[in-house]
N, C-alpha and C. Protein backbone atom coordinates (compact mmCIF):
# COMPACT_ATOMS: atom_id res chain seq x y z
N MET A 1 -98.11 128.07 147.96
CA MET A 1 -97.36 128.17 147.17
C MET A 1 -97.60 129.60 146.35
N LYS A 2 -99.05 130.27 146.23
CA LYS A 2 -99.19 131.80 145.82
C LYS A 2 -98.29 132.64 146.63
N LYS A 3 -98.53 132.36 147.88
CA LYS A 3 -97.71 133.29 148.66
C LYS A 3 -96.45 133.54 148.32
N ILE A 4 -95.64 132.36 148.22
CA ILE A 4 -94.14 132.19 147.78
C ILE A 4 -93.95 132.80 146.83
N PHE A 5 -94.31 132.44 146.09
CA PHE A 5 -94.42 133.35 144.25
C PHE A 5 -94.72 134.81 144.96
N THR A 6 -95.45 135.25 144.95
CA THR A 6 -95.48 136.75 145.62
C THR A 6 -94.72 137.44 146.50
N THR A 7 -93.98 136.51 147.26
CA THR A 7 -93.17 137.11 148.18
C THR A 7 -91.52 137.30 147.18
N LEU A 8 -91.45 135.82 146.62
CA LEU A 8 -90.38 136.30 145.87
C LEU A 8 -89.85 136.85 144.72
N PHE A 9 -91.37 137.32 143.95
CA PHE A 9 -91.86 138.38 142.77
C PHE A 9 -91.65 139.21 143.49
N VAL A 10 -92.08 140.01 144.66
CA VAL A 10 -91.84 141.21 144.96
C VAL A 10 -90.23 141.57 145.60
N LEU A 11 -89.77 140.95 146.08
CA LEU A 11 -88.14 140.87 146.31
C LEU A 11 -87.88 140.56 145.28
N GLY A 12 -87.71 140.00 144.47
CA GLY A 12 -86.96 139.76 142.84
C GLY A 12 -87.51 141.21 141.97
N CYS A 13 -88.30 141.79 142.13
CA CYS A 13 -88.80 143.25 141.45
C CYS A 13 -88.14 144.34 141.95
N LEU A 14 -87.91 144.33 143.41
CA LEU A 14 -87.07 145.19 144.05
C LEU A 14 -85.77 145.22 143.95
N ASN A 15 -84.99 144.26 143.60
CA ASN A 15 -83.63 144.69 142.80
C ASN A 15 -83.62 145.02 141.77
N ILE A 16 -84.73 144.82 141.08
CA ILE A 16 -84.12 146.12 139.41
C ILE A 16 -84.94 147.47 140.47
N LEU A 17 -85.89 147.68 141.06
CA LEU A 17 -86.43 148.81 141.35
C LEU A 17 -85.20 149.41 141.85
N ALA A 18 -84.03 148.70 142.73
CA ALA A 18 -83.24 150.08 143.44
C ALA A 18 -82.14 150.60 142.50
N GLN A 19 -81.98 149.49 141.24
CA GLN A 19 -80.55 149.88 140.30
C GLN A 19 -81.44 150.94 139.38
N SER A 20 -82.54 151.30 139.29
CA SER A 20 -82.84 151.97 137.92
C SER A 20 -83.48 153.22 138.50
N ASP A 21 -83.46 154.31 137.72
CA ASP A 21 -84.10 155.82 137.42
C ASP A 21 -85.51 155.86 137.42
N ASP A 22 -85.84 154.70 137.07
CA ASP A 22 -87.12 155.36 136.68
C ASP A 22 -88.29 154.34 137.95
N ARG A 23 -87.32 154.24 139.29
CA ARG A 23 -88.51 154.07 140.21
C ARG A 23 -89.82 153.88 140.70
N LEU A 24 -90.06 155.09 140.74
CA LEU A 24 -91.75 155.32 140.79
C LEU A 24 -92.34 154.70 139.98
N GLU A 25 -91.70 154.33 138.71
CA GLU A 25 -92.55 153.49 137.13
C GLU A 25 -92.88 151.98 138.09
N LYS A 26 -91.41 151.92 138.60
CA LYS A 26 -91.16 150.18 138.59
C LYS A 26 -91.64 149.80 140.03
N PHE A 27 -92.15 150.87 141.16
CA PHE A 27 -92.69 150.68 142.45
C PHE A 27 -94.23 150.29 142.19
N LYS A 28 -94.68 151.28 141.08
CA LYS A 28 -95.74 150.98 141.12
C LYS A 28 -96.16 150.04 139.93
N ALA A 29 -95.45 149.51 139.33
CA ALA A 29 -95.81 148.32 138.40
C ALA A 29 -95.65 147.24 139.21
N LEU A 30 -94.77 146.95 140.26
CA LEU A 30 -95.20 145.96 141.33
C LEU A 30 -96.49 146.14 142.16
N LYS A 31 -96.77 146.66 142.54
CA LYS A 31 -97.62 147.14 143.37
C LYS A 31 -99.11 147.04 142.58
N VAL A 32 -99.25 147.24 141.25
CA VAL A 32 -100.03 146.85 140.30
C VAL A 32 -100.07 145.10 140.29
N ALA A 33 -98.96 144.67 140.06
CA ALA A 33 -99.16 142.88 140.33
C ALA A 33 -99.46 141.95 141.20
N PHE A 34 -98.85 143.25 142.12
CA PHE A 34 -99.27 142.57 143.47
C PHE A 34 -100.71 142.67 143.59
N ILE A 35 -101.59 143.52 143.86
CA ILE A 35 -102.67 143.51 143.62
C ILE A 35 -103.48 142.78 142.27
N THR A 36 -103.04 142.93 141.54
CA THR A 36 -103.71 142.29 140.12
C THR A 36 -103.89 140.14 140.95
N GLU A 37 -102.56 139.94 141.62
CA GLU A 37 -102.43 138.68 142.10
C GLU A 37 -103.53 138.51 142.96
N LYS A 38 -103.30 139.56 144.15
CA LYS A 38 -104.06 139.47 145.57
C LYS A 38 -105.76 138.94 145.05
N LEU A 39 -106.72 140.16 144.44
CA LEU A 39 -107.63 140.28 143.83
C LEU A 39 -108.09 139.31 142.55
N ASP A 40 -107.68 139.07 142.05
CA ASP A 40 -108.07 137.67 141.07
C ASP A 40 -108.92 137.75 140.47
N LEU A 41 -108.95 139.33 139.66
CA LEU A 41 -109.97 139.69 139.11
C LEU A 41 -110.19 139.38 137.57
N THR A 42 -111.77 139.07 137.09
CA THR A 42 -112.11 138.55 135.89
C THR A 42 -111.74 139.71 134.96
N PRO A 43 -111.50 139.33 133.38
CA PRO A 43 -111.00 140.54 132.36
C PRO A 43 -112.16 142.26 132.67
N LYS A 44 -113.58 141.55 132.59
CA LYS A 44 -114.14 142.38 133.24
C LYS A 44 -114.49 143.15 134.50
N GLU A 45 -113.89 142.68 135.27
CA GLU A 45 -113.84 143.30 136.39
C GLU A 45 -113.08 144.12 136.54
N ALA A 46 -111.53 143.66 135.96
CA ALA A 46 -110.30 144.59 136.02
C ALA A 46 -110.30 145.93 134.97
N GLN A 47 -111.03 145.81 134.06
CA GLN A 47 -111.33 146.86 132.94
C GLN A 47 -112.38 147.99 133.37
N SER A 48 -113.27 147.82 134.46
CA SER A 48 -113.78 148.77 135.15
C SER A 48 -113.26 149.30 136.63
N PHE A 49 -112.07 148.11 137.58
CA PHE A 49 -111.34 148.40 138.24
C PHE A 49 -110.35 149.20 138.71
N TRP A 50 -109.03 149.01 137.12
CA TRP A 50 -108.29 149.96 137.25
C TRP A 50 -108.18 151.48 137.05
N PRO A 51 -109.16 151.74 136.10
CA PRO A 51 -109.41 152.82 135.72
C PRO A 51 -109.91 153.97 137.14
N ILE A 52 -110.59 153.29 137.76
CA ILE A 52 -111.04 153.64 139.60
C ILE A 52 -109.30 153.68 140.47
N TYR A 53 -109.13 152.70 140.49
CA TYR A 53 -108.40 152.30 141.00
C TYR A 53 -106.80 153.50 141.04
N ASN A 54 -106.54 153.98 139.71
CA ASN A 54 -105.14 154.97 139.30
C ASN A 54 -105.71 156.03 139.22
N LYS A 55 -106.98 156.22 139.43
CA LYS A 55 -107.53 157.83 139.52
C LYS A 55 -107.39 158.12 140.92
N TYR A 56 -107.52 156.94 141.85
CA TYR A 56 -107.46 156.93 143.46
C TYR A 56 -106.07 157.04 143.67
N SER A 57 -105.10 156.24 142.87
CA SER A 57 -103.80 156.42 143.16
C SER A 57 -103.17 157.54 142.91
N ASP A 58 -103.63 158.16 141.90
CA ASP A 58 -102.93 159.58 141.83
C ASP A 58 -103.59 160.62 142.24
N ASP A 59 -105.01 160.68 143.27
CA ASP A 59 -105.03 161.38 143.73
C ASP A 59 -104.48 161.51 144.99
N SER A 60 -104.01 160.28 145.57
CA SER A 60 -103.87 159.91 146.74
C SER A 60 -102.35 160.70 146.72
N GLU A 61 -101.39 160.39 145.49
CA GLU A 61 -100.12 160.49 145.22
C GLU A 61 -100.06 162.10 145.87
N LYS A 62 -101.22 163.14 144.85
CA LYS A 62 -100.88 164.48 144.79
C LYS A 62 -101.30 164.67 146.26
N ILE A 63 -102.13 164.82 147.19
CA ILE A 63 -101.81 164.78 148.57
C ILE A 63 -100.24 164.87 149.17
N ARG A 64 -99.96 163.44 148.92
CA ARG A 64 -98.34 163.01 149.69
C ARG A 64 -97.38 164.13 149.20
N GLU A 65 -97.70 164.24 147.89
CA GLU A 65 -96.60 165.56 147.28
C GLU A 65 -96.87 166.62 147.53
N ASN A 66 -98.11 167.21 147.93
CA ASN A 66 -98.08 168.22 148.51
C ASN A 66 -97.86 168.78 149.91
N GLN A 67 -98.13 167.34 150.91
CA GLN A 67 -97.31 167.19 151.55
C GLN A 67 -95.89 167.20 151.96
N ARG A 68 -95.18 167.12 151.24
CA ARG A 68 -93.42 166.80 151.05
C ARG A 68 -93.29 168.35 150.59
N LEU A 69 -93.65 169.00 149.71
CA LEU A 69 -93.77 170.03 149.02
C LEU A 69 -93.87 171.66 150.44
N GLU A 70 -94.71 171.07 150.91
CA GLU A 70 -94.79 172.31 152.15
C GLU A 70 -93.88 172.27 153.17
N TYR A 71 -93.75 171.09 153.48
CA TYR A 71 -92.59 170.51 154.13
C TYR A 71 -91.12 171.32 153.72
N ARG A 72 -91.10 170.80 152.85
CA ARG A 72 -89.32 171.38 152.26
C ARG A 72 -89.67 173.00 151.73
N GLN A 73 -90.82 173.43 151.29
CA GLN A 73 -90.47 175.07 151.97
C GLN A 73 -90.76 175.74 153.33
N ASN A 74 -90.80 174.99 154.20
CA ASN A 74 -91.07 175.46 155.89
C ASN A 74 -89.62 175.17 156.35
N VAL A 75 -88.75 174.21 155.95
CA VAL A 75 -88.21 173.63 156.38
C VAL A 75 -86.40 173.92 155.89
N LYS A 76 -85.53 174.19 156.26
CA LYS A 76 -84.27 174.50 156.07
C LYS A 76 -83.53 173.39 155.73
N ARG A 77 -82.91 172.95 154.76
CA ARG A 77 -81.76 171.76 154.46
C ARG A 77 -80.84 171.49 155.93
N GLY A 78 -81.09 170.26 156.17
CA GLY A 78 -80.48 170.32 157.36
C GLY A 78 -80.71 170.39 158.56
N GLU A 79 -81.86 170.86 158.60
CA GLU A 79 -82.56 171.61 160.01
C GLU A 79 -83.30 170.30 160.99
N LYS A 80 -83.43 170.28 161.93
CA LYS A 80 -83.50 169.44 162.69
C LYS A 80 -84.89 169.83 162.73
N LEU A 81 -85.80 168.69 162.86
CA LEU A 81 -87.38 168.76 163.88
C LEU A 81 -87.33 169.53 165.31
N SER A 82 -86.34 168.81 165.80
CA SER A 82 -86.38 169.57 167.35
C SER A 82 -86.02 170.98 167.41
N ASP A 83 -85.66 171.29 166.52
CA ASP A 83 -85.22 172.99 166.23
C ASP A 83 -86.48 173.90 165.69
N LEU A 84 -87.36 173.01 165.43
CA LEU A 84 -88.96 174.11 164.47
C LEU A 84 -89.05 174.36 165.95
N GLY A 85 -89.81 175.72 165.33
CA GLY A 85 -90.90 176.32 166.11
C GLY A 85 -92.29 176.24 166.68
N ASP A 86 -92.71 176.52 167.56
CA ASP A 86 -94.01 176.21 167.72
C ASP A 86 -95.00 176.73 166.69
N ASP A 87 -95.21 177.83 165.93
CA ASP A 87 -95.55 178.09 165.00
C ASP A 87 -95.51 177.14 163.31
N VAL A 88 -94.37 176.66 163.39
CA VAL A 88 -94.49 176.08 162.61
C VAL A 88 -94.31 174.69 162.54
N SER A 89 -93.94 173.98 163.82
CA SER A 89 -94.78 172.67 163.92
C SER A 89 -96.08 172.81 164.27
N GLU A 90 -97.34 173.68 164.66
CA GLU A 90 -98.46 173.62 164.25
C GLU A 90 -99.22 173.59 163.43
N LYS A 91 -98.19 174.77 162.31
CA LYS A 91 -98.85 174.36 160.51
C LYS A 91 -99.13 173.42 160.43
N PHE A 92 -97.70 172.17 160.59
CA PHE A 92 -97.35 170.69 160.05
C PHE A 92 -98.68 169.80 160.61
N VAL A 93 -99.00 170.42 161.95
CA VAL A 93 -100.09 169.46 162.66
C VAL A 93 -101.31 169.18 161.83
N ALA A 94 -101.65 170.76 161.82
CA ALA A 94 -102.65 171.11 161.07
C ALA A 94 -103.00 170.71 159.66
N SER A 95 -101.80 170.94 158.84
CA SER A 95 -101.66 170.32 157.53
C SER A 95 -101.27 168.68 157.40
N PHE A 96 -101.28 168.00 158.33
CA PHE A 96 -100.82 166.62 158.79
C PHE A 96 -102.73 165.76 158.76
N LEU A 97 -103.03 166.85 159.88
CA LEU A 97 -104.58 166.27 159.74
C LEU A 97 -105.58 166.47 158.41
N SER A 98 -104.91 167.47 158.16
CA SER A 98 -106.06 167.88 156.98
C SER A 98 -105.78 166.98 155.78
N ALA A 99 -104.78 166.51 155.59
CA ALA A 99 -103.95 165.68 154.26
C ALA A 99 -104.98 164.33 155.24
N GLU A 100 -104.63 164.04 156.57
CA GLU A 100 -105.08 162.26 156.27
C GLU A 100 -106.48 162.52 156.36
N GLU A 101 -107.45 163.12 156.66
CA GLU A 101 -108.98 164.01 156.26
C GLU A 101 -108.99 163.63 154.41
N GLU A 102 -108.42 163.90 154.63
CA GLU A 102 -108.63 164.33 152.23
C GLU A 102 -108.34 162.33 152.25
N GLN A 103 -107.39 162.13 152.68
CA GLN A 103 -106.86 160.79 152.24
C GLN A 103 -108.28 159.66 152.48
N LEU A 104 -108.63 159.79 153.87
CA LEU A 104 -109.90 159.32 154.34
C LEU A 104 -111.05 159.56 153.14
N ARG A 105 -111.31 160.46 152.76
CA ARG A 105 -112.17 160.73 152.01
C ARG A 105 -112.07 159.97 150.47
N LEU A 106 -110.80 160.51 150.27
CA LEU A 106 -110.22 159.31 148.83
C LEU A 106 -111.00 157.58 149.16
N LYS A 107 -110.64 157.29 150.07
CA LYS A 107 -110.34 155.99 150.41
C LYS A 107 -111.94 156.08 150.30
N LYS A 108 -112.65 156.44 151.20
CA LYS A 108 -114.43 156.06 151.14
C LYS A 108 -115.05 156.11 150.10
N GLN A 109 -114.31 157.40 148.96
CA GLN A 109 -115.11 157.18 147.79
C GLN A 109 -114.44 156.23 146.68
N LEU A 110 -113.31 156.01 147.20
CA LEU A 110 -112.94 154.86 146.26
C LEU A 110 -113.95 153.50 146.64
N VAL A 111 -114.13 153.20 147.94
CA VAL A 111 -114.57 152.15 148.07
C VAL A 111 -116.13 151.90 147.38
N SER A 112 -116.66 153.27 147.65
CA SER A 112 -117.92 153.20 146.77
C SER A 112 -118.09 153.31 145.94
N ASN A 113 -117.14 153.81 145.16
CA ASN A 113 -117.13 153.81 143.27
C ASN A 113 -116.73 152.48 142.75
N LEU A 114 -115.67 151.22 143.77
CA LEU A 114 -115.36 149.83 143.29
C LEU A 114 -116.63 149.29 143.49
N LYS A 115 -118.03 149.32 144.40
CA LYS A 115 -118.52 148.49 144.33
C LYS A 115 -119.93 148.25 143.47
N SER A 116 -119.67 149.02 142.48
CA SER A 116 -120.35 148.90 141.34
C SER A 116 -120.02 147.78 140.65
N SER A 117 -118.45 147.65 140.69
CA SER A 117 -117.38 146.99 139.91
C SER A 117 -116.75 145.51 140.57
N ILE A 118 -116.79 145.08 141.41
CA ILE A 118 -116.29 144.58 142.30
C ILE A 118 -117.00 144.11 143.57
N SER A 119 -117.10 142.79 144.07
CA SER A 119 -117.34 142.27 145.51
C SER A 119 -117.37 142.79 146.25
N SER A 120 -118.01 143.20 147.25
CA SER A 120 -117.53 143.82 148.79
C SER A 120 -115.76 143.18 149.05
N LYS A 121 -116.41 141.64 148.99
CA LYS A 121 -114.78 140.67 149.18
C LYS A 121 -113.98 141.25 148.44
N LYS A 122 -113.99 141.70 147.41
CA LYS A 122 -112.71 141.46 146.87
C LYS A 122 -112.46 142.86 146.95
N VAL A 123 -113.47 143.86 147.74
CA VAL A 123 -112.85 145.55 147.86
C VAL A 123 -111.97 144.90 149.41
N TRP A 124 -112.78 144.22 149.97
CA TRP A 124 -111.57 143.84 151.66
C TRP A 124 -110.29 143.58 150.91
N ARG A 125 -110.07 142.59 150.11
CA ARG A 125 -108.63 141.72 149.92
C ARG A 125 -108.12 143.27 148.90
N LEU A 126 -108.83 144.07 148.67
CA LEU A 126 -107.73 145.21 147.99
C LEU A 126 -107.15 145.89 149.09
N ILE A 127 -108.30 146.44 150.00
CA ILE A 127 -107.78 147.05 151.19
C ILE A 127 -106.45 146.52 152.10
N ARG A 128 -106.49 144.80 152.36
CA ARG A 128 -105.84 144.13 152.89
C ARG A 128 -104.60 143.89 151.97
N ALA A 129 -104.57 144.09 150.67
CA ALA A 129 -103.49 143.57 149.66
C ALA A 129 -102.52 144.90 149.66
N GLU A 130 -103.53 146.35 149.70
CA GLU A 130 -102.26 147.73 150.11
C GLU A 130 -101.42 147.40 151.63
N ASP A 131 -101.88 146.86 152.31
CA ASP A 131 -101.37 147.29 153.83
C ASP A 131 -100.31 146.42 153.76
N GLU A 132 -100.70 145.23 153.01
CA GLU A 132 -99.37 143.86 153.14
C GLU A 132 -98.48 144.33 152.00
N PHE A 133 -98.63 144.75 151.13
CA PHE A 133 -97.90 145.62 150.02
C PHE A 133 -96.75 146.31 151.12
N LYS A 134 -97.58 147.21 151.32
CA LYS A 134 -96.96 148.37 152.10
C LYS A 134 -95.76 147.76 152.91
N GLN A 135 -96.07 146.96 153.93
CA GLN A 135 -95.53 145.84 154.96
C GLN A 135 -94.43 145.30 154.38
N LYS A 136 -94.54 144.65 153.21
CA LYS A 136 -93.49 144.02 152.23
C LYS A 136 -92.30 145.13 152.03
N MET A 137 -92.91 146.30 151.57
CA MET A 137 -91.96 147.41 151.25
C MET A 137 -90.55 147.28 152.30
N ILE A 138 -91.65 148.16 153.06
CA ILE A 138 -90.59 148.37 154.69
C ILE A 138 -90.01 147.32 154.89
N GLU A 139 -90.23 145.77 154.94
CA GLU A 139 -89.41 144.59 155.57
C GLU A 139 -88.11 144.77 154.57
N GLU A 140 -88.74 144.94 152.99
CA GLU A 140 -87.10 145.15 152.12
C GLU A 140 -86.66 146.10 152.84
N TYR A 141 -87.23 147.57 153.08
CA TYR A 141 -86.57 148.23 153.09
C TYR A 141 -84.93 147.75 154.28
N LYS A 142 -85.99 147.78 155.36
CA LYS A 142 -84.71 147.31 156.41
C LYS A 142 -83.99 146.35 156.07
N LYS A 143 -84.58 145.63 155.02
CA LYS A 143 -83.33 144.39 155.32
C LYS A 143 -82.03 145.29 154.14
N ARG A 144 -82.30 145.63 152.76
CA ARG A 144 -81.40 146.58 152.31
C ARG A 144 -80.72 147.55 152.89
N ARG A 145 -81.10 148.05 154.11
CA ARG A 145 -80.38 149.05 155.00
C ARG A 145 -79.39 148.51 155.78
N GLU A 146 -79.65 147.14 156.47
CA GLU A 146 -79.02 146.46 157.37
C GLU A 146 -77.67 146.02 156.54
N LYS A 147 -78.15 145.24 155.24
CA LYS A 147 -77.17 144.74 154.46
C LYS A 147 -76.21 145.59 153.96
N MET A 148 -76.45 146.98 153.88
CA MET A 148 -75.47 148.22 153.25
C MET A 148 -74.92 148.01 154.60
N GLN A 149 -75.48 148.43 155.96
CA GLN A 149 -74.53 148.71 157.07
C GLN A 149 -73.17 147.59 157.54
N GLU A 150 -73.94 146.79 157.05
CA GLU A 150 -73.21 145.63 157.38
C GLU A 150 -71.71 145.33 156.36
N MET A 151 -72.10 146.13 155.17
CA MET A 151 -71.30 145.94 154.27
C MET A 151 -70.32 147.60 154.11
N ARG A 152 -70.53 148.35 155.12
CA ARG A 152 -69.82 149.18 155.25
C ARG A 152 -69.02 148.74 156.72
N LYS A 153 -69.97 147.96 157.59
CA LYS A 153 -68.83 147.70 158.86
C LYS A 153 -67.83 146.86 158.92
N ASN A 154 -68.08 146.13 157.18
CA ASN A 154 -67.02 144.96 157.18
C ASN A 154 -66.03 145.58 156.37
N ASN A 155 -66.10 146.90 155.49
CA ASN A 155 -65.61 147.47 154.88
C ASN A 155 -64.43 148.15 155.61
N ASN A 156 -64.57 148.95 156.70
CA ASN A 156 -63.70 149.78 157.42
C ASN A 156 -63.21 149.13 157.82
């Protein structure tokens, strides 16, 4: 029953997400709600958990934003990946690996910091919840894309 509620909640909220200008904030709110339900934190746990997790999320987003910025600075609008030279591609590979290492360092730091606030079992639930949330978002995106393609096909 909980899984059904969670799925319906996420899917319902995605409709709101798709119609709004502040998509990122709504996405974050969806993720917080999803994680909150999955972890079933006590008020005391939540009080120490969320500041730690929010800092991790912010730091992780900065890494992703730096990657996007670097890409935009080095690739011309409309340029295909197949047209990139080896030098630019090598730079992107090195940057990607560096970002992945930094993300792993952040994740390890998160786990270490959380162990003083919540049980290892709940830390594992968090890791699984993040993966599950990401998968649900991908599935919802695919469904929306298919629906849009079908609508375009029917209009032609």
